[in-house]
Amino acid sequence: MKPSQSVIAFRDESKTRTATRIEVNRMLKTPEPAVYPSSKITDLFEKHAKDNSIAVIHCGCRELEDMAGNQCRFDFPTETCILMGNFAKYMVDYGVGRYITKDEALRIIETLRQKGAIHQIFHEEEDLSKSEFGFCSCCWDCCGILGSYNRGILPLNFKTFYLAQIADESLCDGCGT
């Protein structure tokens, strides 16, 4: 399936850029980012498979980088962004995505994990109990968020999930290192 829209990167070098300041005059509360073990994704796929509400779309980040002429070092398939709930239905109804099964979603995730993808869940207020969200698998080169951080454009802090495994427990002295 080809994307139904195209994005073009355009920079008018003849104009000087000036910063725009928007005053909000109130504190904005941002949700604390959460880190989920991979079993949580499997649970979410299971939940949405019952409603046949899992869809896949092209990665817009990689499309944009490709159109800008930036070479990606990763060999990922083009369809990598997985959507669930009403978000999936919306994308399929507008011809941007296609429905997939839970098993297809798991295969996409595993293939991308083996190729070095970074997985992120996107949802309003980081609340996975709500019915719509997206699951992105991208790379350090193209990701709109992590790629921008990698290029020094965004000063971000990230949490990550890591489960330490001790190969030989008899060698562990419990120091916590």
C-alpha atoms as a PDB file:
ATOM      1  CA  MET A   1       0.000   0.000   0.000  1.00  0.00           C
ATOM      2  CA  LYS A   2       1.407   3.356  -0.986  1.00  0.00           C
ATOM      3  CA  PRO A   3       0.910   6.335   1.320  1.00  0.00           C
ATOM      4  CA  SER A   4      -2.021   8.486   0.252  1.00  0.00           C
ATOM      5  CA  GLN A   5      -0.259  11.728   1.069  1.00  0.00           C
ATOM      6  CA  SER A   6       3.234  13.022   0.664  1.00  0.00           C
ATOM      7  CA  VAL A   7       5.236  15.283   2.900  1.00  0.00           C
ATOM      8  CA  ILE A   8       7.872  17.548   1.439  1.00  0.00           C
ATOM      9  CA  ALA A   9      10.718  19.082   3.367  1.00  0.00           C
ATOM     10  CA  PHE A  10      11.177  22.705   2.353  1.00  0.00           C
ATOM     11  CA  ARG A  11      13.558  25.267   3.697  1.00  0.00           C
ATOM     12  CA  ASP A  12      13.579  28.785   2.316  1.00  0.00           C
ATOM     13  CA  GLU A  13      17.178  29.867   2.899  1.00  0.00           C
ATOM     14  CA  SER A  14      16.460  33.404   1.675  1.00  0.00           C
ATOM     15  CA  LYS A  15      14.439  34.292   4.786  1.00  0.00           C
ATOM     16  CA  THR A  16      15.895  34.677   8.230  1.00  0.00           C
ATOM     17  CA  ARG A  17      14.152  32.788  10.987  1.00  0.00           C
ATOM     18  CA  THR A  18      12.954  34.494  14.137  1.00  0.00           C
ATOM     19  CA  ALA A  19      11.665  32.843  17.255  1.00  0.00           C
ATOM     20  CA  THR A  20       8.001  33.126  18.153  1.00  0.00           C
ATOM     21  CA  ARG A  21       7.058  33.343  21.798  1.00  0.00           C
ATOM     22  CA  ILE A  22       3.646  32.156  22.948  1.00  0.00           C
ATOM     23  CA  GLU A  23       2.804  33.057  26.524  1.00  0.00           C
ATOM     24  CA  VAL A  24       0.516  30.618  28.264  1.00  0.00           C
ATOM     25  CA  ASN A  25       0.616  32.206  31.734  1.00  0.00           C
ATOM     26  CA  ARG A  26      -0.145  28.972  33.558  1.00  0.00           C
ATOM     27  CA  MET A  27       1.661  25.827  34.615  1.00  0.00           C
ATOM     28  CA  LEU A  28       1.269  22.917  32.260  1.00  0.00           C
ATOM     29  CA  LYS A  29       1.271  19.486  33.824  1.00  0.00           C
ATOM     30  CA  THR A  30       2.942  16.838  31.749  1.00  0.00           C
ATOM     31  CA  PRO A  31       2.459  13.163  32.517  1.00  0.00           C
ATOM     32  CA  GLU A  32       5.411  11.201  33.812  1.00  0.00           C
ATOM     33  CA  PRO A  33       6.736   8.961  31.026  1.00  0.00           C
ATOM     34  CA  ALA A  34       6.364   5.269  31.719  1.00  0.00           C
ATOM     35  CA  VAL A  35       8.476   2.325  30.680  1.00  0.00           C
ATOM     36  CA  TYR A  36       6.645  -0.882  29.829  1.00  0.00           C
ATOM     37  CA  PRO A  37       8.002  -4.419  29.618  1.00  0.00           C
ATOM     38  CA  SER A  38       7.372  -6.165  26.297  1.00  0.00           C
ATOM     39  CA  SER A  39       4.652  -8.321  27.894  1.00  0.00           C
ATOM     40  CA  LYS A  40       2.488  -5.174  28.180  1.00  0.00           C
ATOM     41  CA  ILE A  41       2.542  -4.763  24.388  1.00  0.00           C
ATOM     42  CA  THR A  42       1.504  -8.393  23.950  1.00  0.00           C
ATOM     43  CA  ASP A  43      -1.404  -7.800  26.349  1.00  0.00           C
ATOM     44  CA  LEU A  44      -2.498  -4.726  24.394  1.00  0.00           C
ATOM     45  CA  PHE A  45      -2.359  -6.595  21.083  1.00  0.00           C
ATOM     46  CA  GLU A  46      -4.462  -9.356  22.632  1.00  0.00           C
ATOM     47  CA  LYS A  47      -7.042  -6.865  23.887  1.00  0.00           C
ATOM     48  CA  HIS A  48      -7.415  -5.114  20.532  1.00  0.00           C
ATOM     49  CA  ALA A  49      -7.300  -8.310  18.446  1.00  0.00           C
ATOM     50  CA  LYS A  50     -10.720  -9.223  19.868  1.00  0.00           C
ATOM     51  CA  ASP A  51     -12.175  -6.048  18.302  1.00  0.00           C
ATOM     52  CA  ASN A  52     -10.207  -6.430  15.056  1.00  0.00           C
ATOM     53  CA  SER A  53      -8.825  -2.953  15.721  1.00  0.00           C
ATOM     54  CA  ILE A  54      -5.121  -3.279  14.953  1.00  0.00           C
ATOM     55  CA  ALA A  55      -3.750  -1.528  11.873  1.00  0.00           C
ATOM     56  CA  VAL A  56      -0.344  -0.781  10.400  1.00  0.00           C
ATOM     57  CA  ILE A  57       0.730   2.342   8.502  1.00  0.00           C
ATOM     58  CA  HIS A  58       3.902   3.602   6.844  1.00  0.00           C
ATOM     59  CA  CYS A  59       6.448   5.250   9.110  1.00  0.00           C
ATOM     60  CA  GLY A  60       6.044   8.962   8.456  1.00  0.00           C
ATOM     61  CA  CYS A  61       9.392   9.742  10.085  1.00  0.00           C
ATOM     62  CA  ARG A  62      11.337   7.538   7.664  1.00  0.00           C
ATOM     63  CA  GLU A  63       9.300   8.799   4.692  1.00  0.00           C
ATOM     64  CA  LEU A  64      10.124  12.399   5.604  1.00  0.00           C
ATOM     65  CA  GLU A  65      13.833  11.668   6.011  1.00  0.00           C
ATOM     66  CA  ASP A  66      13.861   9.773   2.714  1.00  0.00           C
ATOM     67  CA  MET A  67      12.169  12.657   0.875  1.00  0.00           C
ATOM     68  CA  ALA A  68      14.688  15.067   2.412  1.00  0.00           C
ATOM     69  CA  GLY A  69      17.463  12.922   0.917  1.00  0.00           C
ATOM     70  CA  ASN A  70      18.775  11.685   4.246  1.00  0.00           C
ATOM     71  CA  GLN A  71      20.108   8.139   4.090  1.00  0.00           C
ATOM     72  CA  CYS A  72      18.936   5.765   6.832  1.00  0.00           C
ATOM     73  CA  ARG A  73      21.439   3.205   8.106  1.00  0.00           C
ATOM     74  CA  PHE A  74      18.701   0.732   9.074  1.00  0.00           C
ATOM     75  CA  ASP A  75      16.937  -1.740   6.810  1.00  0.00           C
ATOM     76  CA  PHE A  76      13.393  -1.543   8.189  1.00  0.00           C
ATOM     77  CA  PRO A  77      10.211  -2.354   6.278  1.00  0.00           C
ATOM     78  CA  THR A  78       8.098   0.692   5.406  1.00  0.00           C
ATOM     79  CA  GLU A  79       5.003  -0.378   7.355  1.00  0.00           C
ATOM     80  CA  THR A  80       6.052  -0.221  11.005  1.00  0.00           C
ATOM     81  CA  CYS A  81       3.687   2.061  12.910  1.00  0.00           C
ATOM     82  CA  ILE A  82       0.964   0.032  14.602  1.00  0.00           C
ATOM     83  CA  LEU A  83      -2.265   1.688  15.675  1.00  0.00           C
ATOM     84  CA  MET A  84      -5.044   0.347  17.860  1.00  0.00           C
ATOM     85  CA  GLY A  85      -8.628   1.180  18.702  1.00  0.00           C
ATOM     86  CA  ASN A  86     -10.505   3.950  16.917  1.00  0.00           C
ATOM     87  CA  PHE A  87      -7.205   5.369  15.707  1.00  0.00           C
ATOM     88  CA  ALA A  88      -6.672   2.183  13.655  1.00  0.00           C
ATOM     89  CA  LYS A  89     -10.194   2.363  12.212  1.00  0.00           C
ATOM     90  CA  TYR A  90      -9.712   6.015  11.253  1.00  0.00           C
ATOM     91  CA  MET A  91      -6.483   5.290   9.341  1.00  0.00           C
ATOM     92  CA  VAL A  92      -7.970   2.301   7.529  1.00  0.00           C
ATOM     93  CA  ASP A  93     -11.171   4.212   6.642  1.00  0.00           C
ATOM     94  CA  TYR A  94      -9.057   6.975   5.084  1.00  0.00           C
ATOM     95  CA  GLY A  95      -6.911   4.520   3.126  1.00  0.00           C
ATOM     96  CA  VAL A  96      -3.694   5.255   4.999  1.00  0.00           C
ATOM     97  CA  GLY A  97      -3.448   1.937   6.836  1.00  0.00           C
ATOM     98  CA  ARG A  98      -4.558  -1.666   6.686  1.00  0.00           C
ATOM     99  CA  TYR A  99      -5.876  -4.015   9.326  1.00  0.00           C
ATOM    100  CA  ILE A 100      -3.556  -6.707  10.628  1.00  0.00           C
ATOM    101  CA  THR A 101      -3.921  -9.579  13.071  1.00  0.00           C
ATOM    102  CA  LYS A 102      -2.332  -9.783  16.501  1.00  0.00           C
ATOM    103  CA  ASP A 103       0.146 -12.347  15.132  1.00  0.00           C
ATOM    104  CA  GLU A 104       1.119 -10.018  12.268  1.00  0.00           C
ATOM    105  CA  ALA A 105       1.641  -7.185  14.760  1.00  0.00           C
ATOM    106  CA  LEU A 106       3.847  -9.398  16.928  1.00  0.00           C
ATOM    107  CA  ARG A 107       5.880 -10.471  13.872  1.00  0.00           C
ATOM    108  CA  ILE A 108       6.414  -6.827  12.865  1.00  0.00           C
ATOM    109  CA  ILE A 109       7.579  -5.955  16.381  1.00  0.00           C
ATOM    110  CA  GLU A 110       9.930  -8.941  16.599  1.00  0.00           C
ATOM    111  CA  THR A 111      11.409  -8.318  13.129  1.00  0.00           C
ATOM    112  CA  LEU A 112      12.064  -4.692  14.020  1.00  0.00           C
ATOM    113  CA  ARG A 113      13.470  -5.584  17.446  1.00  0.00           C
ATOM    114  CA  GLN A 114      15.990  -7.886  15.788  1.00  0.00           C
ATOM    115  CA  LYS A 115      16.978  -5.090  13.391  1.00  0.00           C
ATOM    116  CA  GLY A 116      17.570  -2.636  16.261  1.00  0.00           C
ATOM    117  CA  ALA A 117      14.352  -0.613  16.313  1.00  0.00           C
ATOM    118  CA  ILE A 118      13.402   1.628  19.187  1.00  0.00           C
ATOM    119  CA  HIS A 119       9.833   0.986  20.327  1.00  0.00           C
ATOM    120  CA  GLN A 120       7.641   3.753  21.737  1.00  0.00           C
ATOM    121  CA  ILE A 121       4.010   3.912  22.799  1.00  0.00           C
ATOM    122  CA  PHE A 122       2.184   7.149  22.067  1.00  0.00           C
ATOM    123  CA  HIS A 123      -1.023   7.989  23.880  1.00  0.00           C
ATOM    124  CA  GLU A 124      -2.642  11.008  25.381  1.00  0.00           C
ATOM    125  CA  GLU A 125      -1.675  11.264  29.041  1.00  0.00           C
ATOM    126  CA  GLU A 126       0.301   7.991  28.806  1.00  0.00           C
ATOM    127  CA  ASP A 127      -2.897   6.150  29.797  1.00  0.00           C
ATOM    128  CA  LEU A 128      -3.044   2.730  28.153  1.00  0.00           C
ATOM    129  CA  SER A 129      -6.456   2.004  29.636  1.00  0.00           C
ATOM    130  CA  LYS A 130      -7.919   4.363  27.019  1.00  0.00           C
ATOM    131  CA  SER A 131      -8.973   2.903  23.695  1.00  0.00           C
ATOM    132  CA  GLU A 132      -6.629   4.546  21.182  1.00  0.00           C
ATOM    133  CA  PHE A 133      -2.897   4.633  20.934  1.00  0.00           C
ATOM    134  CA  GLY A 134      -0.003   4.127  18.566  1.00  0.00           C
ATOM    135  CA  PHE A 135       3.029   1.918  18.758  1.00  0.00           C
ATOM    136  CA  CYS A 136       6.007   3.258  16.845  1.00  0.00           C
ATOM    137  CA  SER A 137       9.140   1.336  15.904  1.00  0.00           C
ATOM    138  CA  CYS A 138      11.763   3.614  14.467  1.00  0.00           C
ATOM    139  CA  CYS A 139      15.504   4.173  14.359  1.00  0.00           C
ATOM    140  CA  TRP A 140      18.034   6.693  15.666  1.00  0.00           C
ATOM    141  CA  ASP A 141      18.416   8.188  12.192  1.00  0.00           C
ATOM    142  CA  CYS A 142      14.795   8.912  11.280  1.00  0.00           C
ATOM    143  CA  CYS A 143      12.645   9.065  14.423  1.00  0.00           C
ATOM    144  CA  GLY A 144      11.075  12.498  14.784  1.00  0.00           C
ATOM    145  CA  ILE A 145      11.705  12.420  18.526  1.00  0.00           C
ATOM    146  CA  LEU A 146      14.805  10.314  19.085  1.00  0.00           C
ATOM    147  CA  GLY A 147      16.412  11.376  15.804  1.00  0.00           C
ATOM    148  CA  SER A 148      16.023  15.012  16.787  1.00  0.00           C
ATOM    149  CA  TYR A 149      17.602  14.257  20.146  1.00  0.00           C
ATOM    150  CA  ASN A 150      20.390  12.330  18.414  1.00  0.00           C
ATOM    151  CA  ARG A 151      21.078  15.324  16.133  1.00  0.00           C
ATOM    152  CA  GLY A 152      21.175  17.684  19.147  1.00  0.00           C
ATOM    153  CA  ILE A 153      17.936  19.478  18.249  1.00  0.00           C
ATOM    154  CA  LEU A 154      15.894  18.476  21.312  1.00  0.00           C
ATOM    155  CA  PRO A 155      17.224  18.304  24.877  1.00  0.00           C
ATOM    156  CA  LEU A 156      15.311  15.229  26.081  1.00  0.00           C
ATOM    157  CA  ASN A 157      15.613  12.782  28.938  1.00  0.00           C
ATOM    158  CA  PHE A 158      14.358   9.244  28.423  1.00  0.00           C
ATOM    159  CA  LYS A 159      13.559   6.316  30.643  1.00  0.00           C
ATOM    160  CA  THR A 160      14.310   2.836  29.461  1.00  0.00           C
ATOM    161  CA  PHE A 161      13.385  -0.673  30.496  1.00  0.00           C
ATOM    162  CA  TYR A 162      16.248  -3.023  31.181  1.00  0.00           C
ATOM    163  CA  LEU A 163      16.027  -6.379  32.916  1.00  0.00           C
ATOM    164  CA  ALA A 164      19.452  -7.541  34.045  1.00  0.00           C
ATOM    165  CA  GLN A 165      20.155 -11.219  33.590  1.00  0.00           C
ATOM    166  CA  ILE A 166      22.923 -12.952  35.484  1.00  0.00           C
ATOM    167  CA  ALA A 167      24.488 -15.760  33.458  1.00  0.00           C
ATOM    168  CA  ASP A 168      25.957 -17.552  36.483  1.00  0.00           C
ATOM    169  CA  GLU A 169      24.113 -16.689  39.694  1.00  0.00           C
ATOM    170  CA  SER A 170      26.800 -18.375  41.803  1.00  0.00           C
ATOM    171  CA  LEU A 171      29.122 -15.501  40.831  1.00  0.00           C
ATOM    172  CA  CYS A 172      26.694 -12.834  42.093  1.00  0.00           C
ATOM    173  CA  ASP A 173      27.571 -11.288  45.445  1.00  0.00           C
ATOM    174  CA  GLY A 174      24.491  -9.010  45.540  1.00  0.00           C
ATOM    175  CA  CYS A 175      26.378  -5.724  45.128  1.00  0.00           C
ATOM    176  CA  GLY A 176      23.736  -4.329  42.742  1.00  0.00           C
ATOM    177  CA  THR A 177      26.177  -3.480  39.961  1.00  0.00           C
END
